[in-house]
Amino acid sequence: MKPSGYSLDATFAALADPTRRAILVRLPAISKHLKVLERAGLITRGREAQRRPRKLEPRPLAEATDWIERYRRVWEANFARLDAVLHELKSKEKKTVDALLEDVKPKPKQRRSK
């Protein structure tokens, strides 16, 4: 069951702040940032007398990682195709320049026979 208010957008919005990313590593008691992480479903809060312990919830991070991975593969494929097109264009450009240089290269003079 997903925490209330959870969405991939909320995960990325919560992770956009470097302080909140650091909180996931250290999980300190910085209430302002913990509330944002809690609303995004990245942590849950318990209750033990006067304490309000927080616990890292890995599922939203795993879902964010899966989403990023899907798009990483798409973009890598797009960049590979772009690299191939650029390589082909450079090759054609070099052939064109070489042909033009050949046309303007001075021809050796022929000697006239006497």
N, C-alpha and C. Protein backbone atom coordinates (compact mmCIF):
# COMPACT_ATOMS: atom_id res chain seq x y z
N MET A 1 0.84 -1.18 0.00
CA MET A 1 0.00 0.00 0.00
C MET A 1 0.88 1.24 0.00
N LYS A 2 0.57 2.19 -0.89
CA LYS A 2 1.37 3.40 -1.00
C LYS A 2 0.94 4.40 0.06
N PRO A 3 1.91 5.15 0.64
CA PRO A 3 1.55 6.17 1.61
C PRO A 3 0.65 7.22 0.97
N SER A 4 -0.16 7.85 1.78
CA SER A 4 -1.07 8.87 1.27
C SER A 4 -0.27 10.02 0.67
N GLY A 5 -0.70 10.49 -0.48
CA GLY A 5 -0.02 11.60 -1.14
C GLY A 5 1.20 11.18 -1.93
N TYR A 6 1.46 9.87 -2.04
CA TYR A 6 2.65 9.43 -2.76
C TYR A 6 2.47 9.55 -4.25
N SER A 7 3.50 10.02 -4.93
CA SER A 7 3.57 9.98 -6.38
C SER A 7 5.04 10.12 -6.77
N LEU A 8 5.35 9.73 -7.99
CA LEU A 8 6.72 9.86 -8.47
C LEU A 8 7.14 11.32 -8.47
N ASP A 9 6.21 12.21 -8.80
CA ASP A 9 6.52 13.65 -8.77
C ASP A 9 6.93 14.09 -7.38
N ALA A 10 6.19 13.60 -6.37
CA ALA A 10 6.52 13.98 -5.00
C ALA A 10 7.89 13.45 -4.61
N THR A 11 8.22 12.25 -5.08
CA THR A 11 9.54 11.69 -4.78
C THR A 11 10.64 12.58 -5.34
N PHE A 12 10.52 12.95 -6.63
CA PHE A 12 11.56 13.78 -7.23
C PHE A 12 11.57 15.18 -6.64
N ALA A 13 10.41 15.72 -6.31
CA ALA A 13 10.37 17.05 -5.68
C ALA A 13 11.07 17.00 -4.32
N ALA A 14 10.83 15.94 -3.56
CA ALA A 14 11.48 15.82 -2.25
C ALA A 14 12.99 15.64 -2.41
N LEU A 15 13.40 14.87 -3.42
CA LEU A 15 14.83 14.61 -3.63
C LEU A 15 15.55 15.77 -4.31
N ALA A 16 14.81 16.76 -4.80
CA ALA A 16 15.43 17.89 -5.48
C ALA A 16 16.30 18.72 -4.54
N ASP A 17 15.98 18.70 -3.29
CA ASP A 17 16.72 19.49 -2.30
C ASP A 17 17.90 18.66 -1.77
N PRO A 18 19.13 19.17 -1.89
CA PRO A 18 20.29 18.41 -1.43
C PRO A 18 20.25 18.12 0.08
N THR A 19 19.64 19.00 0.84
CA THR A 19 19.53 18.75 2.27
C THR A 19 18.68 17.52 2.55
N ARG A 20 17.56 17.41 1.82
CA ARG A 20 16.70 16.24 2.03
C ARG A 20 17.39 14.96 1.55
N ARG A 21 18.20 15.06 0.48
CA ARG A 21 18.95 13.88 0.06
C ARG A 21 19.93 13.46 1.16
N ALA A 22 20.56 14.43 1.80
CA ALA A 22 21.49 14.12 2.89
C ALA A 22 20.75 13.52 4.08
N ILE A 23 19.52 13.96 4.31
CA ILE A 23 18.72 13.41 5.41
C ILE A 23 18.50 11.93 5.20
N LEU A 24 18.28 11.51 3.96
CA LEU A 24 18.08 10.09 3.70
C LEU A 24 19.31 9.28 4.10
N VAL A 25 20.47 9.87 4.00
CA VAL A 25 21.69 9.18 4.39
C VAL A 25 21.83 9.19 5.92
N ARG A 26 21.59 10.32 6.55
CA ARG A 26 21.83 10.47 7.98
C ARG A 26 20.57 10.39 8.83
N LEU A 27 19.45 10.71 8.25
CA LEU A 27 18.17 10.71 8.93
C LEU A 27 18.18 11.49 10.25
N PRO A 28 18.66 12.76 10.22
CA PRO A 28 18.65 13.56 11.46
C PRO A 28 17.25 14.08 11.76
N ALA A 29 17.15 14.73 12.87
CA ALA A 29 15.84 15.23 13.32
C ALA A 29 15.66 16.68 12.89
N ILE A 30 15.57 16.89 11.59
CA ILE A 30 15.32 18.24 11.07
C ILE A 30 13.88 18.25 10.59
N SER A 31 12.99 18.73 11.43
CA SER A 31 11.55 18.52 11.22
C SER A 31 11.03 19.09 9.90
N LYS A 32 11.49 20.26 9.49
CA LYS A 32 10.97 20.85 8.25
C LYS A 32 11.17 19.92 7.06
N HIS A 33 12.36 19.40 6.94
CA HIS A 33 12.67 18.53 5.82
C HIS A 33 12.06 17.14 6.00
N LEU A 34 11.99 16.68 7.23
CA LEU A 34 11.38 15.38 7.48
C LEU A 34 9.91 15.37 7.09
N LYS A 35 9.23 16.48 7.31
CA LYS A 35 7.81 16.56 6.93
C LYS A 35 7.64 16.45 5.41
N VAL A 36 8.53 17.09 4.66
CA VAL A 36 8.47 17.00 3.20
C VAL A 36 8.71 15.56 2.76
N LEU A 37 9.72 14.93 3.34
CA LEU A 37 10.02 13.53 3.00
C LEU A 37 8.85 12.62 3.37
N GLU A 38 8.23 12.90 4.49
CA GLU A 38 7.09 12.09 4.93
C GLU A 38 5.90 12.26 3.98
N ARG A 39 5.60 13.50 3.59
CA ARG A 39 4.50 13.74 2.64
C ARG A 39 4.75 13.06 1.30
N ALA A 40 6.01 12.96 0.91
CA ALA A 40 6.36 12.31 -0.36
C ALA A 40 6.37 10.79 -0.24
N GLY A 41 6.24 10.28 0.97
CA GLY A 41 6.23 8.84 1.17
C GLY A 41 7.61 8.22 1.24
N LEU A 42 8.64 9.06 1.40
CA LEU A 42 10.01 8.55 1.45
C LEU A 42 10.39 8.05 2.85
N ILE A 43 9.71 8.54 3.88
CA ILE A 43 9.92 8.06 5.24
C ILE A 43 8.58 7.92 5.93
N THR A 44 8.54 7.14 6.99
CA THR A 44 7.34 7.06 7.82
C THR A 44 7.72 7.44 9.23
N ARG A 45 6.72 7.90 9.99
CA ARG A 45 6.97 8.34 11.36
C ARG A 45 6.20 7.43 12.31
N GLY A 46 6.89 6.99 13.34
CA GLY A 46 6.24 6.20 14.37
C GLY A 46 6.01 7.05 15.61
N ARG A 47 5.52 6.40 16.65
CA ARG A 47 5.29 7.13 17.89
C ARG A 47 5.67 6.21 19.04
N GLU A 48 6.63 6.65 19.82
CA GLU A 48 7.06 5.92 21.01
C GLU A 48 7.14 6.92 22.14
N ALA A 49 6.09 7.01 22.91
CA ALA A 49 5.98 8.00 24.00
C ALA A 49 6.20 9.40 23.43
N GLN A 50 7.24 10.08 23.87
CA GLN A 50 7.51 11.44 23.38
C GLN A 50 8.35 11.45 22.10
N ARG A 51 8.87 10.32 21.72
CA ARG A 51 9.72 10.24 20.53
C ARG A 51 8.87 10.05 19.28
N ARG A 52 9.35 10.55 18.18
CA ARG A 52 8.71 10.35 16.87
C ARG A 52 9.77 9.82 15.91
N PRO A 53 10.12 8.54 16.06
CA PRO A 53 11.19 8.00 15.19
C PRO A 53 10.75 7.94 13.73
N ARG A 54 11.71 8.16 12.83
CA ARG A 54 11.46 8.05 11.40
C ARG A 54 12.20 6.85 10.87
N LYS A 55 11.68 6.29 9.78
CA LYS A 55 12.29 5.11 9.18
C LYS A 55 12.31 5.32 7.66
N LEU A 56 13.41 4.98 7.04
CA LEU A 56 13.55 5.09 5.59
C LEU A 56 12.61 4.11 4.91
N GLU A 57 11.86 4.58 3.93
CA GLU A 57 10.97 3.73 3.13
C GLU A 57 11.60 3.56 1.75
N PRO A 58 12.13 2.38 1.44
CA PRO A 58 12.88 2.21 0.19
C PRO A 58 12.03 2.14 -1.07
N ARG A 59 10.74 1.81 -0.97
CA ARG A 59 9.94 1.61 -2.18
C ARG A 59 9.88 2.85 -3.09
N PRO A 60 9.58 4.05 -2.57
CA PRO A 60 9.56 5.21 -3.48
C PRO A 60 10.90 5.45 -4.18
N LEU A 61 12.00 5.21 -3.46
CA LEU A 61 13.32 5.38 -4.09
C LEU A 61 13.54 4.33 -5.18
N ALA A 62 13.10 3.11 -4.92
CA ALA A 62 13.23 2.05 -5.93
C ALA A 62 12.39 2.38 -7.16
N GLU A 63 11.18 2.89 -6.94
CA GLU A 63 10.33 3.26 -8.08
C GLU A 63 10.94 4.42 -8.86
N ALA A 64 11.53 5.38 -8.14
CA ALA A 64 12.19 6.50 -8.83
C ALA A 64 13.39 5.99 -9.63
N THR A 65 14.14 5.07 -9.05
CA THR A 65 15.29 4.49 -9.75
C THR A 65 14.84 3.75 -11.00
N ASP A 66 13.76 2.98 -10.90
CA ASP A 66 13.23 2.27 -12.07
C ASP A 66 12.83 3.25 -13.17
N TRP A 67 12.16 4.34 -12.79
CA TRP A 67 11.72 5.35 -13.75
C TRP A 67 12.93 5.98 -14.43
N ILE A 68 13.92 6.35 -13.64
CA ILE A 68 15.14 6.96 -14.19
C ILE A 68 15.84 5.99 -15.13
N GLU A 69 15.91 4.73 -14.74
CA GLU A 69 16.59 3.71 -15.56
C GLU A 69 15.91 3.54 -16.92
N ARG A 70 14.57 3.53 -16.95
CA ARG A 70 13.86 3.41 -18.23
C ARG A 70 14.24 4.56 -19.16
N TYR A 71 14.22 5.77 -18.63
CA TYR A 71 14.54 6.92 -19.47
C TYR A 71 16.02 7.00 -19.80
N ARG A 72 16.88 6.51 -18.91
CA ARG A 72 18.31 6.49 -19.21
C ARG A 72 18.56 5.63 -20.44
N ARG A 73 17.91 4.45 -20.51
CA ARG A 73 18.09 3.57 -21.66
C ARG A 73 17.58 4.22 -22.94
N VAL A 74 16.43 4.91 -22.85
CA VAL A 74 15.87 5.59 -24.02
C VAL A 74 16.83 6.66 -24.51
N TRP A 75 17.33 7.48 -23.57
CA TRP A 75 18.22 8.57 -23.97
C TRP A 75 19.56 8.05 -24.47
N GLU A 76 20.08 6.98 -23.90
CA GLU A 76 21.33 6.41 -24.41
C GLU A 76 21.16 5.92 -25.85
N ALA A 77 20.01 5.30 -26.13
CA ALA A 77 19.75 4.84 -27.51
C ALA A 77 19.64 6.04 -28.44
N ASN A 78 18.96 7.10 -28.00
CA ASN A 78 18.84 8.31 -28.83
C ASN A 78 20.21 8.93 -29.10
N PHE A 79 21.04 9.00 -28.07
CA PHE A 79 22.38 9.58 -28.24
C PHE A 79 23.25 8.71 -29.15
N ALA A 80 23.10 7.41 -29.06
CA ALA A 80 23.86 6.52 -29.95
C ALA A 80 23.47 6.76 -31.41
N ARG A 81 22.15 6.90 -31.66
CA ARG A 81 21.71 7.19 -33.04
C ARG A 81 22.22 8.55 -33.49
N LEU A 82 22.18 9.53 -32.61
CA LEU A 82 22.68 10.86 -32.95
C LEU A 82 24.18 10.81 -33.26
N ASP A 83 24.94 10.06 -32.47
CA ASP A 83 26.37 9.90 -32.75
C ASP A 83 26.61 9.30 -34.13
N ALA A 84 25.80 8.31 -34.51
CA ALA A 84 25.95 7.67 -35.82
C ALA A 84 25.65 8.68 -36.94
N VAL A 85 24.60 9.48 -36.77
CA VAL A 85 24.26 10.49 -37.78
C VAL A 85 25.38 11.53 -37.88
N LEU A 86 25.88 12.00 -36.76
CA LEU A 86 26.97 12.99 -36.78
C LEU A 86 28.22 12.43 -37.44
N HIS A 87 28.53 11.17 -37.15
CA HIS A 87 29.69 10.52 -37.77
C HIS A 87 29.52 10.47 -39.29
N GLU A 88 28.31 10.10 -39.72
CA GLU A 88 28.02 10.03 -41.16
C GLU A 88 28.13 11.41 -41.81
N LEU A 89 27.60 12.44 -41.14
CA LEU A 89 27.68 13.80 -41.68
C LEU A 89 29.13 14.28 -41.78
N LYS A 90 29.93 13.99 -40.76
CA LYS A 90 31.34 14.39 -40.79
C LYS A 90 32.07 13.69 -41.92
N SER A 91 31.76 12.42 -42.12
CA SER A 91 32.39 11.64 -43.19
C SER A 91 32.04 12.24 -44.55
N LYS A 92 30.75 12.57 -44.76
CA LYS A 92 30.32 13.18 -46.03
C LYS A 92 30.97 14.54 -46.21
N GLU A 93 31.05 15.31 -45.13
CA GLU A 93 31.64 16.65 -45.20
C GLU A 93 33.12 16.54 -45.60
N LYS A 94 33.83 15.57 -45.02
CA LYS A 94 35.24 15.40 -45.34
C LYS A 94 35.42 15.02 -46.81
N LYS A 95 34.58 14.14 -47.32
CA LYS A 95 34.66 13.75 -48.72
C LYS A 95 34.41 14.94 -49.64
N THR A 96 33.42 15.77 -49.27
CA THR A 96 33.10 16.96 -50.06
C THR A 96 34.27 17.93 -50.05
N VAL A 97 34.85 18.18 -48.89
CA VAL A 97 35.99 19.10 -48.79
C VAL A 97 37.18 18.55 -49.57
N ASP A 98 37.44 17.25 -49.45
CA ASP A 98 38.55 16.64 -50.18
C ASP A 98 38.35 16.79 -51.70
N ALA A 99 37.11 16.60 -52.15
CA ALA A 99 36.81 16.73 -53.58
C ALA A 99 37.02 18.18 -54.04
N LEU A 100 36.58 19.14 -53.24
CA LEU A 100 36.76 20.56 -53.59
C LEU A 100 38.24 20.92 -53.63
N LEU A 101 38.99 20.42 -52.68
CA LEU A 101 40.43 20.71 -52.66
C LEU A 101 41.12 20.10 -53.87
N GLU A 102 40.66 18.95 -54.27
CA GLU A 102 41.24 18.31 -55.46
C GLU A 102 40.98 19.16 -56.70
N ASP A 103 39.81 19.77 -56.77
CA ASP A 103 39.47 20.61 -57.93
C ASP A 103 40.31 21.88 -57.99
N VAL A 104 40.68 22.44 -56.86
CA VAL A 104 41.42 23.70 -56.86
C VAL A 104 42.92 23.50 -56.74
N LYS A 105 43.35 22.27 -56.60
CA LYS A 105 44.78 21.98 -56.47
C LYS A 105 45.46 22.33 -57.80
N PRO A 106 46.59 23.04 -57.73
CA PRO A 106 47.27 23.40 -58.98
C PRO A 106 47.75 22.13 -59.71
N LYS A 107 47.54 22.17 -61.01
CA LYS A 107 47.94 21.04 -61.85
C LYS A 107 49.42 21.21 -62.20
N PRO A 108 50.16 20.12 -62.24
CA PRO A 108 51.58 20.24 -62.64
C PRO A 108 51.65 20.66 -64.11
N LYS A 109 52.59 21.56 -64.38
CA LYS A 109 52.76 22.05 -65.76
C LYS A 109 53.44 20.97 -66.58
N GLN A 110 52.95 20.85 -67.81
CA GLN A 110 53.57 19.86 -68.71
C GLN A 110 54.67 20.57 -69.50
N ARG A 111 55.73 19.86 -69.68
CA ARG A 111 56.83 20.44 -70.45
C ARG A 111 56.57 20.22 -71.92
N ARG A 112 56.88 21.25 -72.65
CA ARG A 112 56.74 21.13 -74.09
C ARG A 112 57.99 20.48 -74.66
N SER A 113 57.79 19.61 -75.56
CA SER A 113 58.94 18.99 -76.18
C SER A 113 59.38 19.86 -77.38
N LYS A 114 60.71 19.87 -77.58
CA LYS A 114 61.27 20.72 -78.64
C LYS A 114 61.38 19.99 -79.91
